[in-house]
N, C-alpha and C. Protein backbone atom coordinates (compact mmCIF):
# COMPACT_ATOMS: atom_id res chain seq x y z
N MET A 1 7.89 13.58 8.92
CA MET A 1 7.79 14.06 7.55
C MET A 1 6.46 13.58 6.93
N ILE A 2 5.77 14.47 6.25
CA ILE A 2 4.47 14.15 5.65
C ILE A 2 4.65 13.80 4.18
N HIS A 3 3.95 12.75 3.73
CA HIS A 3 4.03 12.34 2.34
C HIS A 3 3.35 13.38 1.45
N LYS A 4 3.85 13.53 0.22
CA LYS A 4 3.31 14.54 -0.70
C LYS A 4 1.84 14.34 -1.00
N GLU A 5 1.35 13.09 -0.94
CA GLU A 5 -0.07 12.83 -1.20
C GLU A 5 -0.97 13.41 -0.10
N GLY A 6 -0.38 13.71 1.06
CA GLY A 6 -1.18 14.18 2.16
C GLY A 6 -1.44 15.67 2.18
N PHE A 7 -0.55 16.46 1.56
CA PHE A 7 -0.67 17.92 1.67
C PHE A 7 -2.00 18.48 1.16
N PRO A 8 -2.47 18.12 -0.04
CA PRO A 8 -3.77 18.66 -0.49
C PRO A 8 -4.91 18.27 0.44
N PHE A 9 -4.92 17.01 0.87
CA PHE A 9 -5.99 16.53 1.75
C PHE A 9 -5.97 17.26 3.08
N LEU A 10 -4.78 17.48 3.63
CA LEU A 10 -4.66 18.16 4.91
C LEU A 10 -5.13 19.62 4.82
N ILE A 11 -4.87 20.26 3.70
CA ILE A 11 -5.32 21.64 3.50
C ILE A 11 -6.84 21.71 3.44
N TYR A 12 -7.45 20.79 2.67
CA TYR A 12 -8.92 20.77 2.56
C TYR A 12 -9.56 20.52 3.92
N VAL A 13 -9.03 19.54 4.64
CA VAL A 13 -9.59 19.20 5.95
C VAL A 13 -9.44 20.36 6.92
N LEU A 14 -8.29 21.03 6.88
CA LEU A 14 -8.07 22.16 7.78
C LEU A 14 -9.08 23.28 7.52
N ILE A 15 -9.35 23.55 6.25
CA ILE A 15 -10.34 24.58 5.90
C ILE A 15 -11.72 24.21 6.43
N ILE A 16 -12.10 22.93 6.25
CA ILE A 16 -13.40 22.46 6.75
C ILE A 16 -13.48 22.57 8.26
N ILE A 17 -12.40 22.18 8.93
CA ILE A 17 -12.37 22.23 10.40
C ILE A 17 -12.53 23.68 10.90
N LEU A 18 -11.82 24.60 10.26
CA LEU A 18 -11.91 26.01 10.68
C LEU A 18 -13.32 26.56 10.48
N ILE A 19 -13.96 26.15 9.38
CA ILE A 19 -15.34 26.59 9.14
C ILE A 19 -16.29 26.02 10.19
N VAL A 20 -16.12 24.74 10.50
CA VAL A 20 -16.97 24.10 11.51
C VAL A 20 -16.78 24.78 12.87
N ILE A 21 -15.53 25.05 13.23
CA ILE A 21 -15.25 25.71 14.51
C ILE A 21 -15.89 27.10 14.56
N TRP A 22 -15.77 27.83 13.47
CA TRP A 22 -16.34 29.19 13.42
C TRP A 22 -17.87 29.16 13.58
N ILE A 23 -18.51 28.23 12.86
CA ILE A 23 -19.97 28.12 12.93
C ILE A 23 -20.41 27.66 14.31
N SER A 24 -19.69 26.69 14.88
CA SER A 24 -20.10 26.12 16.17
C SER A 24 -20.04 27.14 17.30
N THR A 25 -19.17 28.14 17.20
CA THR A 25 -19.08 29.16 18.25
C THR A 25 -20.36 29.96 18.39
N PHE A 26 -21.14 30.00 17.32
CA PHE A 26 -22.41 30.75 17.34
C PHE A 26 -23.61 29.87 17.73
N LEU A 27 -23.42 28.54 17.68
CA LEU A 27 -24.56 27.65 17.84
C LEU A 27 -24.59 26.88 19.16
N PHE A 28 -23.42 26.62 19.73
CA PHE A 28 -23.37 25.70 20.86
C PHE A 28 -22.78 26.34 22.11
N SER A 29 -22.93 25.66 23.22
CA SER A 29 -22.39 26.11 24.49
C SER A 29 -20.87 25.94 24.52
N LYS A 30 -20.24 26.55 25.49
CA LYS A 30 -18.79 26.45 25.62
C LYS A 30 -18.35 25.01 25.86
N LEU A 31 -19.12 24.27 26.65
CA LEU A 31 -18.76 22.88 26.94
C LEU A 31 -18.83 22.02 25.69
N LEU A 32 -19.91 22.19 24.92
CA LEU A 32 -20.05 21.41 23.70
C LEU A 32 -18.99 21.82 22.67
N ASN A 33 -18.69 23.09 22.60
CA ASN A 33 -17.64 23.56 21.69
C ASN A 33 -16.28 22.98 22.06
N LEU A 34 -16.03 22.87 23.36
CA LEU A 34 -14.76 22.27 23.81
C LEU A 34 -14.65 20.83 23.34
N PHE A 35 -15.76 20.09 23.43
CA PHE A 35 -15.77 18.69 22.95
C PHE A 35 -15.54 18.64 21.43
N ILE A 36 -16.22 19.52 20.70
CA ILE A 36 -16.07 19.56 19.23
C ILE A 36 -14.64 19.90 18.84
N PHE A 37 -14.07 20.92 19.50
CA PHE A 37 -12.69 21.32 19.19
C PHE A 37 -11.72 20.18 19.47
N SER A 38 -11.90 19.52 20.59
CA SER A 38 -11.00 18.42 20.98
C SER A 38 -11.07 17.28 19.96
N PHE A 39 -12.30 16.96 19.56
CA PHE A 39 -12.49 15.88 18.58
C PHE A 39 -11.83 16.24 17.24
N LEU A 40 -12.03 17.46 16.77
CA LEU A 40 -11.48 17.88 15.48
C LEU A 40 -9.95 17.93 15.51
N ILE A 41 -9.40 18.37 16.62
CA ILE A 41 -7.93 18.40 16.75
C ILE A 41 -7.37 16.99 16.73
N ALA A 42 -8.03 16.07 17.46
CA ALA A 42 -7.58 14.67 17.48
C ALA A 42 -7.68 14.05 16.09
N LEU A 43 -8.78 14.37 15.38
CA LEU A 43 -8.96 13.85 14.03
C LEU A 43 -7.87 14.36 13.10
N TYR A 44 -7.55 15.63 13.20
CA TYR A 44 -6.53 16.21 12.33
C TYR A 44 -5.15 15.63 12.63
N CYS A 45 -4.87 15.41 13.90
CA CYS A 45 -3.60 14.80 14.28
C CYS A 45 -3.49 13.38 13.72
N PHE A 46 -4.61 12.64 13.74
CA PHE A 46 -4.60 11.29 13.18
C PHE A 46 -4.33 11.32 11.68
N ILE A 47 -4.93 12.28 10.97
CA ILE A 47 -4.72 12.38 9.53
C ILE A 47 -3.25 12.69 9.23
N ILE A 48 -2.65 13.58 10.02
CA ILE A 48 -1.22 13.87 9.86
C ILE A 48 -0.41 12.60 10.08
N PHE A 49 -0.79 11.84 11.13
CA PHE A 49 -0.11 10.58 11.44
C PHE A 49 -0.26 9.59 10.28
N PHE A 50 -1.45 9.53 9.69
CA PHE A 50 -1.70 8.60 8.60
C PHE A 50 -0.79 8.89 7.40
N PHE A 51 -0.58 10.15 7.08
CA PHE A 51 0.21 10.52 5.91
C PHE A 51 1.70 10.66 6.21
N ARG A 52 2.15 10.09 7.31
CA ARG A 52 3.57 10.17 7.65
C ARG A 52 4.41 9.45 6.60
N ASN A 53 5.63 9.91 6.45
CA ASN A 53 6.54 9.34 5.46
C ASN A 53 7.89 9.09 6.12
N PRO A 54 8.00 8.00 6.88
CA PRO A 54 9.26 7.73 7.59
C PRO A 54 10.39 7.40 6.61
N LYS A 55 11.57 7.87 6.93
CA LYS A 55 12.72 7.57 6.08
C LYS A 55 13.09 6.10 6.21
N ARG A 56 13.30 5.46 5.09
CA ARG A 56 13.65 4.04 5.09
C ARG A 56 14.97 3.85 4.34
N LYS A 57 15.91 3.25 5.00
CA LYS A 57 17.19 2.93 4.37
C LYS A 57 17.25 1.44 4.12
N ILE A 58 17.27 1.08 2.84
CA ILE A 58 17.30 -0.33 2.47
C ILE A 58 18.71 -0.86 2.64
N SER A 59 18.84 -2.02 3.24
CA SER A 59 20.17 -2.60 3.44
C SER A 59 20.82 -2.90 2.09
N ILE A 60 22.12 -2.66 2.02
CA ILE A 60 22.87 -2.90 0.78
C ILE A 60 22.74 -4.36 0.35
N ASN A 61 22.76 -5.26 1.33
CA ASN A 61 22.66 -6.70 1.04
C ASN A 61 21.34 -7.04 0.36
N SER A 62 20.24 -6.48 0.88
CA SER A 62 18.92 -6.75 0.30
C SER A 62 18.79 -6.13 -1.08
N TYR A 63 19.38 -4.96 -1.26
CA TYR A 63 19.26 -4.27 -2.55
C TYR A 63 20.07 -4.97 -3.64
N LYS A 64 21.29 -5.37 -3.31
CA LYS A 64 22.17 -5.97 -4.32
C LYS A 64 21.79 -7.41 -4.64
N ASP A 65 21.25 -8.12 -3.68
CA ASP A 65 20.89 -9.52 -3.90
C ASP A 65 19.56 -9.58 -4.67
N GLU A 66 19.63 -9.86 -5.96
CA GLU A 66 18.45 -9.88 -6.82
C GLU A 66 17.43 -10.93 -6.38
N SER A 67 17.88 -11.95 -5.67
CA SER A 67 16.97 -13.04 -5.30
C SER A 67 16.04 -12.66 -4.15
N LYS A 68 16.38 -11.61 -3.41
CA LYS A 68 15.57 -11.23 -2.25
C LYS A 68 14.42 -10.32 -2.65
N VAL A 69 13.22 -10.69 -2.22
CA VAL A 69 12.02 -9.92 -2.52
C VAL A 69 11.61 -9.17 -1.25
N LEU A 70 11.51 -7.85 -1.35
CA LEU A 70 11.14 -7.03 -0.21
C LEU A 70 9.62 -6.87 -0.13
N SER A 71 9.13 -6.65 1.06
CA SER A 71 7.70 -6.40 1.22
C SER A 71 7.32 -5.11 0.50
N PRO A 72 6.24 -5.12 -0.29
CA PRO A 72 5.82 -3.91 -0.98
C PRO A 72 5.04 -2.94 -0.10
N ALA A 73 4.74 -3.35 1.15
CA ALA A 73 3.90 -2.51 2.01
C ALA A 73 4.12 -2.83 3.48
N ASP A 74 3.79 -1.87 4.34
CA ASP A 74 3.72 -2.11 5.77
C ASP A 74 2.37 -2.77 6.06
N GLY A 75 2.35 -3.67 7.03
CA GLY A 75 1.07 -4.27 7.39
C GLY A 75 1.21 -5.67 7.91
N LYS A 76 0.13 -6.43 7.82
CA LYS A 76 0.10 -7.80 8.32
C LYS A 76 -0.18 -8.77 7.18
N VAL A 77 0.58 -9.86 7.15
CA VAL A 77 0.35 -10.91 6.15
C VAL A 77 -0.95 -11.62 6.51
N ILE A 78 -1.95 -11.53 5.63
CA ILE A 78 -3.25 -12.15 5.94
C ILE A 78 -3.49 -13.42 5.13
N GLU A 79 -2.66 -13.66 4.12
CA GLU A 79 -2.87 -14.87 3.30
C GLU A 79 -1.60 -15.22 2.56
N ILE A 80 -1.29 -16.52 2.52
CA ILE A 80 -0.22 -17.06 1.67
C ILE A 80 -0.80 -18.30 1.01
N LYS A 81 -0.97 -18.26 -0.31
CA LYS A 81 -1.62 -19.39 -0.96
C LYS A 81 -1.19 -19.53 -2.42
N LYS A 82 -1.38 -20.75 -2.94
CA LYS A 82 -1.18 -20.99 -4.37
C LYS A 82 -2.46 -20.59 -5.09
N ILE A 83 -2.31 -19.86 -6.18
CA ILE A 83 -3.49 -19.38 -6.90
C ILE A 83 -3.14 -19.17 -8.37
N LEU A 84 -4.13 -19.33 -9.23
CA LEU A 84 -3.94 -19.08 -10.66
C LEU A 84 -4.05 -17.59 -10.92
N GLU A 85 -3.00 -16.99 -11.42
CA GLU A 85 -3.02 -15.56 -11.77
C GLU A 85 -3.42 -15.49 -13.23
N ASN A 86 -4.60 -14.94 -13.51
CA ASN A 86 -5.14 -15.00 -14.87
C ASN A 86 -5.20 -13.66 -15.60
N GLU A 87 -4.60 -12.61 -15.03
CA GLU A 87 -4.61 -11.34 -15.75
C GLU A 87 -3.42 -11.20 -16.68
N PHE A 88 -2.23 -11.61 -16.24
CA PHE A 88 -1.03 -11.43 -17.06
C PHE A 88 -0.14 -12.67 -17.08
N ILE A 89 0.20 -13.20 -15.91
CA ILE A 89 1.14 -14.32 -15.85
C ILE A 89 0.53 -15.61 -16.38
N LYS A 90 -0.78 -15.78 -16.14
CA LYS A 90 -1.55 -16.92 -16.68
C LYS A 90 -1.07 -18.29 -16.21
N LYS A 91 -0.60 -18.35 -14.98
CA LYS A 91 -0.24 -19.65 -14.41
C LYS A 91 -0.27 -19.56 -12.89
N LYS A 92 -0.13 -20.71 -12.24
CA LYS A 92 -0.20 -20.73 -10.79
C LYS A 92 1.01 -20.02 -10.16
N CYS A 93 0.74 -19.30 -9.10
CA CYS A 93 1.77 -18.55 -8.39
C CYS A 93 1.53 -18.69 -6.88
N ILE A 94 2.51 -18.24 -6.11
CA ILE A 94 2.33 -18.06 -4.68
C ILE A 94 1.91 -16.62 -4.47
N CYS A 95 0.74 -16.41 -3.87
CA CYS A 95 0.25 -15.06 -3.61
C CYS A 95 0.39 -14.75 -2.13
N ILE A 96 1.10 -13.66 -1.82
CA ILE A 96 1.22 -13.18 -0.45
C ILE A 96 0.42 -11.89 -0.34
N SER A 97 -0.57 -11.88 0.54
CA SER A 97 -1.45 -10.71 0.71
C SER A 97 -1.08 -9.98 1.99
N ILE A 98 -0.91 -8.67 1.88
CA ILE A 98 -0.54 -7.82 3.02
C ILE A 98 -1.64 -6.78 3.24
N PHE A 99 -2.24 -6.80 4.42
CA PHE A 99 -3.31 -5.86 4.75
C PHE A 99 -2.74 -4.67 5.50
N MET A 100 -3.07 -3.46 5.04
CA MET A 100 -2.63 -2.22 5.69
C MET A 100 -3.81 -1.61 6.44
N SER A 101 -3.73 -1.56 7.73
CA SER A 101 -4.78 -0.92 8.53
C SER A 101 -4.58 0.60 8.46
N PRO A 102 -5.56 1.38 8.90
CA PRO A 102 -5.38 2.84 8.90
C PRO A 102 -4.21 3.32 9.74
N PHE A 103 -3.65 2.44 10.60
CA PHE A 103 -2.53 2.84 11.46
C PHE A 103 -1.18 2.53 10.84
N ASP A 104 -1.16 1.83 9.70
CA ASP A 104 0.09 1.50 9.02
C ASP A 104 0.50 2.61 8.06
N VAL A 105 1.80 2.65 7.74
CA VAL A 105 2.28 3.54 6.68
C VAL A 105 1.71 3.02 5.37
N HIS A 106 1.13 3.91 4.55
CA HIS A 106 0.44 3.47 3.33
C HIS A 106 1.22 3.72 2.04
N ILE A 107 2.52 3.90 2.19
CA ILE A 107 3.39 4.02 1.00
C ILE A 107 3.67 2.62 0.47
N ASN A 108 3.59 2.44 -0.84
CA ASN A 108 3.90 1.16 -1.47
C ASN A 108 5.24 1.24 -2.19
N ARG A 109 6.03 0.17 -2.09
CA ARG A 109 7.40 0.17 -2.61
C ARG A 109 7.64 -1.02 -3.53
N PHE A 110 8.51 -0.81 -4.52
CA PHE A 110 8.84 -1.90 -5.44
C PHE A 110 9.50 -3.04 -4.67
N PRO A 111 9.00 -4.27 -4.83
CA PRO A 111 9.59 -5.41 -4.11
C PRO A 111 10.87 -5.93 -4.75
N VAL A 112 11.03 -5.69 -6.07
CA VAL A 112 12.21 -6.14 -6.80
C VAL A 112 12.61 -5.05 -7.79
N SER A 113 13.79 -5.21 -8.36
CA SER A 113 14.25 -4.30 -9.41
C SER A 113 14.05 -4.95 -10.78
N GLY A 114 13.88 -4.12 -11.79
CA GLY A 114 13.72 -4.64 -13.14
C GLY A 114 12.97 -3.67 -14.04
N LYS A 115 12.51 -4.18 -15.17
CA LYS A 115 11.77 -3.37 -16.13
C LYS A 115 10.27 -3.55 -15.92
N ILE A 116 9.55 -2.44 -15.87
CA ILE A 116 8.09 -2.52 -15.73
C ILE A 116 7.49 -2.82 -17.10
N ILE A 117 6.87 -3.97 -17.24
CA ILE A 117 6.37 -4.40 -18.54
C ILE A 117 4.85 -4.34 -18.65
N TYR A 118 4.18 -4.07 -17.52
CA TYR A 118 2.71 -4.04 -17.55
C TYR A 118 2.20 -3.20 -16.38
N VAL A 119 1.31 -2.26 -16.69
CA VAL A 119 0.64 -1.45 -15.66
C VAL A 119 -0.80 -1.25 -16.10
N LYS A 120 -1.75 -1.56 -15.21
CA LYS A 120 -3.15 -1.36 -15.56
C LYS A 120 -3.96 -0.99 -14.33
N TYR A 121 -4.83 0.00 -14.49
CA TYR A 121 -5.75 0.42 -13.44
C TYR A 121 -7.12 -0.19 -13.69
N HIS A 122 -7.73 -0.74 -12.64
CA HIS A 122 -9.06 -1.34 -12.73
C HIS A 122 -10.01 -0.60 -11.78
N PRO A 123 -11.01 0.09 -12.29
CA PRO A 123 -12.02 0.66 -11.39
C PRO A 123 -12.82 -0.49 -10.76
N GLY A 124 -13.42 -0.24 -9.61
CA GLY A 124 -14.17 -1.33 -8.98
C GLY A 124 -14.88 -0.90 -7.72
N LYS A 125 -15.23 -1.90 -6.91
CA LYS A 125 -16.00 -1.68 -5.69
C LYS A 125 -15.07 -1.38 -4.52
N TYR A 126 -15.65 -1.26 -3.31
CA TYR A 126 -14.87 -0.96 -2.11
C TYR A 126 -15.27 -1.88 -0.97
N TRP A 127 -15.18 -3.19 -1.24
CA TRP A 127 -15.45 -4.15 -0.18
C TRP A 127 -14.27 -4.17 0.79
N LEU A 128 -14.48 -4.82 1.93
CA LEU A 128 -13.41 -4.94 2.92
C LEU A 128 -12.17 -5.56 2.28
N ALA A 129 -11.01 -4.95 2.53
CA ALA A 129 -9.79 -5.34 1.82
C ALA A 129 -9.35 -6.77 2.11
N TRP A 130 -9.70 -7.30 3.30
CA TRP A 130 -9.25 -8.67 3.60
C TRP A 130 -10.16 -9.74 3.01
N GLU A 131 -11.27 -9.35 2.39
CA GLU A 131 -12.13 -10.33 1.73
C GLU A 131 -11.44 -10.87 0.47
N PRO A 132 -11.47 -12.20 0.23
CA PRO A 132 -10.83 -12.77 -0.96
C PRO A 132 -11.34 -12.16 -2.27
N LYS A 133 -12.65 -11.85 -2.35
CA LYS A 133 -13.21 -11.32 -3.59
C LYS A 133 -12.73 -9.90 -3.88
N ALA A 134 -12.12 -9.23 -2.90
CA ALA A 134 -11.65 -7.86 -3.10
C ALA A 134 -10.56 -7.79 -4.16
N SER A 135 -9.75 -8.85 -4.29
CA SER A 135 -8.63 -8.83 -5.23
C SER A 135 -9.08 -8.77 -6.68
N LEU A 136 -10.32 -9.18 -6.95
CA LEU A 136 -10.82 -9.17 -8.33
C LEU A 136 -11.95 -8.18 -8.56
N ASN A 137 -12.56 -7.69 -7.49
CA ASN A 137 -13.73 -6.82 -7.63
C ASN A 137 -13.53 -5.38 -7.17
N ASN A 138 -12.57 -5.16 -6.28
CA ASN A 138 -12.34 -3.81 -5.78
C ASN A 138 -11.52 -2.96 -6.76
N GLU A 139 -11.53 -1.65 -6.55
CA GLU A 139 -10.62 -0.78 -7.30
C GLU A 139 -9.20 -1.26 -7.05
N ARG A 140 -8.39 -1.35 -8.11
CA ARG A 140 -7.06 -1.92 -7.95
C ARG A 140 -6.16 -1.52 -9.12
N THR A 141 -4.87 -1.69 -8.93
CA THR A 141 -3.91 -1.56 -10.02
C THR A 141 -3.09 -2.85 -10.09
N THR A 142 -2.63 -3.18 -11.28
CA THR A 142 -1.76 -4.34 -11.46
C THR A 142 -0.47 -3.87 -12.12
N THR A 143 0.66 -4.27 -11.55
CA THR A 143 1.97 -3.92 -12.11
C THR A 143 2.81 -5.18 -12.21
N VAL A 144 3.55 -5.31 -13.30
CA VAL A 144 4.43 -6.48 -13.49
C VAL A 144 5.84 -5.99 -13.78
N ILE A 145 6.79 -6.55 -13.05
CA ILE A 145 8.22 -6.26 -13.27
C ILE A 145 8.91 -7.51 -13.80
N GLU A 146 9.69 -7.32 -14.86
CA GLU A 146 10.53 -8.40 -15.37
C GLU A 146 11.94 -8.18 -14.85
N MET A 147 12.43 -9.13 -14.08
CA MET A 147 13.76 -9.02 -13.49
C MET A 147 14.84 -9.37 -14.52
N LYS A 148 16.09 -9.16 -14.17
CA LYS A 148 17.20 -9.49 -15.07
C LYS A 148 17.22 -10.98 -15.39
N THR A 149 16.73 -11.78 -14.46
CA THR A 149 16.69 -13.23 -14.64
C THR A 149 15.51 -13.67 -15.51
N LYS A 150 14.71 -12.69 -15.97
CA LYS A 150 13.51 -12.91 -16.78
C LYS A 150 12.32 -13.40 -15.95
N LYS A 151 12.49 -13.49 -14.64
CA LYS A 151 11.36 -13.81 -13.77
C LYS A 151 10.39 -12.63 -13.77
N LYS A 152 9.11 -12.92 -13.80
CA LYS A 152 8.09 -11.86 -13.81
C LYS A 152 7.37 -11.85 -12.45
N ILE A 153 7.38 -10.68 -11.82
CA ILE A 153 6.76 -10.51 -10.50
C ILE A 153 5.58 -9.55 -10.65
N LEU A 154 4.40 -10.01 -10.27
CA LEU A 154 3.18 -9.20 -10.38
C LEU A 154 2.72 -8.78 -8.98
N PHE A 155 2.27 -7.54 -8.85
CA PHE A 155 1.72 -7.09 -7.57
C PHE A 155 0.55 -6.15 -7.81
N ARG A 156 -0.38 -6.16 -6.87
CA ARG A 156 -1.61 -5.36 -6.99
C ARG A 156 -1.82 -4.49 -5.76
N GLN A 157 -2.17 -3.24 -6.00
CA GLN A 157 -2.72 -2.37 -4.96
C GLN A 157 -4.23 -2.58 -5.00
N ILE A 158 -4.81 -2.83 -3.84
CA ILE A 158 -6.25 -3.08 -3.78
C ILE A 158 -6.88 -2.14 -2.76
N ALA A 159 -7.84 -1.35 -3.20
CA ALA A 159 -8.54 -0.43 -2.30
C ALA A 159 -9.42 -1.22 -1.34
N GLY A 160 -9.63 -0.66 -0.15
CA GLY A 160 -10.48 -1.30 0.84
C GLY A 160 -11.77 -0.55 1.07
N PHE A 161 -12.43 -0.87 2.17
CA PHE A 161 -13.73 -0.27 2.50
C PHE A 161 -13.60 1.24 2.72
N LEU A 162 -12.53 1.66 3.39
CA LEU A 162 -12.32 3.09 3.65
C LEU A 162 -11.54 3.78 2.54
N ALA A 163 -10.71 3.01 1.83
CA ALA A 163 -9.89 3.61 0.78
C ALA A 163 -10.76 4.07 -0.39
N ARG A 164 -10.48 5.26 -0.87
CA ARG A 164 -11.25 5.80 -1.99
C ARG A 164 -10.36 6.35 -3.09
N ARG A 165 -9.08 6.13 -2.97
CA ARG A 165 -8.20 6.59 -4.04
C ARG A 165 -6.88 5.86 -3.98
N ILE A 166 -6.55 5.21 -5.10
CA ILE A 166 -5.25 4.58 -5.26
C ILE A 166 -4.38 5.51 -6.11
N VAL A 167 -3.17 5.74 -5.64
CA VAL A 167 -2.21 6.54 -6.41
C VAL A 167 -1.07 5.62 -6.82
N PHE A 168 -0.70 5.62 -8.09
CA PHE A 168 0.42 4.80 -8.53
C PHE A 168 1.29 5.58 -9.51
N TYR A 169 2.61 5.39 -9.36
CA TYR A 169 3.59 6.14 -10.15
C TYR A 169 4.26 5.27 -11.21
N ALA A 170 4.06 3.97 -11.15
CA ALA A 170 4.73 3.07 -12.10
C ALA A 170 4.28 3.33 -13.53
N LYS A 171 5.23 3.34 -14.45
CA LYS A 171 4.93 3.55 -15.87
C LYS A 171 5.57 2.44 -16.70
N LYS A 172 4.81 1.96 -17.66
CA LYS A 172 5.30 0.86 -18.51
C LYS A 172 6.60 1.26 -19.21
N ASN A 173 7.51 0.29 -19.29
CA ASN A 173 8.81 0.42 -19.94
C ASN A 173 9.83 1.24 -19.16
N SER A 174 9.46 1.71 -17.96
CA SER A 174 10.44 2.39 -17.11
C SER A 174 11.10 1.36 -16.20
N LEU A 175 12.17 1.77 -15.53
CA LEU A 175 12.90 0.86 -14.67
C LEU A 175 12.46 1.03 -13.22
N ALA A 176 12.27 -0.09 -12.55
CA ALA A 176 11.90 -0.08 -11.14
C ALA A 176 13.13 -0.41 -10.30
N ARG A 177 13.29 0.32 -9.21
CA ARG A 177 14.40 0.07 -8.29
C ARG A 177 13.83 -0.42 -6.96
N LYS A 178 14.31 -1.55 -6.54
CA LYS A 178 13.82 -2.18 -5.32
C LYS A 178 13.82 -1.19 -4.15
N GLY A 179 12.67 -1.11 -3.46
CA GLY A 179 12.56 -0.27 -2.29
C GLY A 179 12.04 1.14 -2.55
N GLU A 180 12.05 1.57 -3.82
CA GLU A 180 11.56 2.91 -4.14
C GLU A 180 10.03 2.92 -4.19
N GLU A 181 9.43 4.08 -3.97
CA GLU A 181 7.98 4.20 -3.96
C GLU A 181 7.39 3.96 -5.35
N PHE A 182 6.28 3.21 -5.38
CA PHE A 182 5.53 3.10 -6.64
C PHE A 182 4.09 3.55 -6.47
N GLY A 183 3.68 3.87 -5.23
CA GLY A 183 2.31 4.32 -5.06
C GLY A 183 1.92 4.53 -3.61
N PHE A 184 0.64 4.87 -3.46
CA PHE A 184 0.08 5.19 -2.14
C PHE A 184 -1.41 4.87 -2.19
N ILE A 185 -1.94 4.28 -1.10
CA ILE A 185 -3.39 4.03 -1.03
C ILE A 185 -3.91 4.70 0.24
N LYS A 186 -5.02 5.41 0.11
CA LYS A 186 -5.51 6.21 1.23
C LYS A 186 -6.55 5.47 2.09
N PHE A 187 -6.23 5.33 3.37
CA PHE A 187 -7.15 4.86 4.41
C PHE A 187 -7.59 3.39 4.28
N GLY A 188 -6.69 2.49 4.61
CA GLY A 188 -7.05 1.07 4.69
C GLY A 188 -7.05 0.38 3.35
N SER A 189 -6.24 -0.64 3.17
CA SER A 189 -6.09 -1.24 1.85
C SER A 189 -5.25 -2.51 1.93
N ARG A 190 -4.84 -2.99 0.77
CA ARG A 190 -4.13 -4.26 0.71
C ARG A 190 -3.23 -4.30 -0.52
N VAL A 191 -2.12 -5.04 -0.42
CA VAL A 191 -1.25 -5.28 -1.56
C VAL A 191 -1.04 -6.78 -1.68
N ASP A 192 -1.28 -7.33 -2.87
CA ASP A 192 -1.01 -8.73 -3.17
C ASP A 192 0.21 -8.81 -4.06
N ILE A 193 1.10 -9.74 -3.79
CA ILE A 193 2.26 -9.97 -4.65
C ILE A 193 2.27 -11.43 -5.08
N TYR A 194 2.43 -11.65 -6.38
CA TYR A 194 2.40 -12.98 -6.97
C TYR A 194 3.82 -13.39 -7.35
N LEU A 195 4.27 -14.52 -6.78
CA LEU A 195 5.65 -14.97 -6.93
C LEU A 195 5.70 -16.38 -7.51
N PRO A 196 6.84 -16.76 -8.12
CA PRO A 196 6.97 -18.12 -8.68
C PRO A 196 6.77 -19.21 -7.62
N LEU A 197 6.34 -20.37 -8.06
CA LEU A 197 6.06 -21.46 -7.13
C LEU A 197 7.31 -21.98 -6.41
N ASP A 198 8.49 -21.78 -7.01
CA ASP A 198 9.71 -22.35 -6.44
C ASP A 198 10.40 -21.42 -5.44
N ILE A 199 9.71 -20.37 -4.97
CA ILE A 199 10.33 -19.44 -4.05
C ILE A 199 10.48 -20.04 -2.65
N LEU A 200 11.38 -19.45 -1.87
CA LEU A 200 11.50 -19.77 -0.46
C LEU A 200 10.76 -18.67 0.31
N ILE A 201 9.69 -19.02 0.99
CA ILE A 201 8.87 -18.04 1.71
C ILE A 201 9.48 -17.81 3.10
N LEU A 202 9.70 -16.55 3.45
CA LEU A 202 10.34 -16.21 4.71
C LEU A 202 9.39 -15.58 5.73
N VAL A 203 8.13 -15.45 5.37
CA VAL A 203 7.14 -14.89 6.31
C VAL A 203 6.01 -15.89 6.50
N LYS A 204 5.19 -15.64 7.50
CA LYS A 204 4.05 -16.53 7.74
C LYS A 204 2.79 -15.70 7.97
N LYS A 205 1.67 -16.34 7.86
CA LYS A 205 0.38 -15.67 8.05
C LYS A 205 0.31 -15.07 9.46
N GLY A 206 -0.14 -13.81 9.53
CA GLY A 206 -0.25 -13.12 10.80
C GLY A 206 0.97 -12.29 11.16
N GLU A 207 2.05 -12.42 10.39
CA GLU A 207 3.28 -11.69 10.68
C GLU A 207 3.19 -10.24 10.20
N LYS A 208 3.78 -9.33 10.98
CA LYS A 208 3.87 -7.92 10.58
C LYS A 208 5.10 -7.72 9.72
N VAL A 209 4.94 -6.97 8.62
CA VAL A 209 6.05 -6.72 7.72
C VAL A 209 6.21 -5.21 7.51
N VAL A 210 7.40 -4.82 7.07
CA VAL A 210 7.71 -3.41 6.85
C VAL A 210 8.09 -3.22 5.39
N GLY A 211 7.40 -2.30 4.71
CA GLY A 211 7.66 -2.07 3.30
C GLY A 211 9.07 -1.59 3.02
N GLY A 212 9.72 -2.23 2.06
CA GLY A 212 11.07 -1.84 1.68
C GLY A 212 12.15 -2.34 2.62
N LYS A 213 11.78 -3.11 3.65
CA LYS A 213 12.77 -3.59 4.61
C LYS A 213 12.67 -5.09 4.85
N THR A 214 11.45 -5.60 5.09
CA THR A 214 11.29 -7.01 5.39
C THR A 214 11.47 -7.85 4.12
N VAL A 215 12.37 -8.82 4.18
CA VAL A 215 12.54 -9.77 3.06
C VAL A 215 11.47 -10.84 3.20
N ILE A 216 10.53 -10.89 2.26
CA ILE A 216 9.41 -11.82 2.40
C ILE A 216 9.66 -13.15 1.69
N SER A 217 10.60 -13.16 0.72
CA SER A 217 10.90 -14.43 0.03
C SER A 217 12.23 -14.33 -0.70
N VAL A 218 12.69 -15.49 -1.11
CA VAL A 218 13.93 -15.58 -1.91
C VAL A 218 13.59 -16.37 -3.17
N ILE A 219 13.97 -15.81 -4.32
CA ILE A 219 13.70 -16.47 -5.61
C ILE A 219 14.97 -17.18 -6.08
N PRO A 220 14.92 -18.49 -6.28
CA PRO A 220 16.10 -19.22 -6.76
C PRO A 220 16.61 -18.64 -8.09
N GLN A 221 17.91 -18.51 -8.21
CA GLN A 221 18.50 -17.93 -9.42
C GLN A 221 18.75 -19.03 -10.47
């Protein structure tokens, strides 16, 4: 199944590919055209693969247990550290950074349920997503959810070197449901989630996580 964000892009690319194929038939030899066709078909297949939208069924236990925080993205944990969050929470938090390579599913999901109390888009640069400075300088969005327990969970979509468009669906004052989609980042990116200092961390640096399925931490009630 292809994600809705992929359909316009796939149509544009298909049109470009057909034009290139048509022009190349007049300019190049059969052997070179065969190489061009093969490359373009492989490229198009990869783009379809990139925009895949696998069905995810969240376990009832993870959904009902408010203390469990789900991974907001597929990818690899590249950093777990204490850091001062100075945009909204204004105090030290545990930040878990998840890097999404071009081969990962790029759908982003709400890690917890609650009321969305803050949403902001920040235009910026396109440095490599795993660079520490990317979290403050790259194109990004910031979303904050207030849980029933009044705990505030902040997370950021951060564009990477290849990513050129962040899509986010979260709206202030609406309700977020754990595991549901809140956005999509195209072609390589990162998601940071800021959690209270007293959490129990269940993942480690270098571990692969699955958005909407992997429990990355537990928040004491």
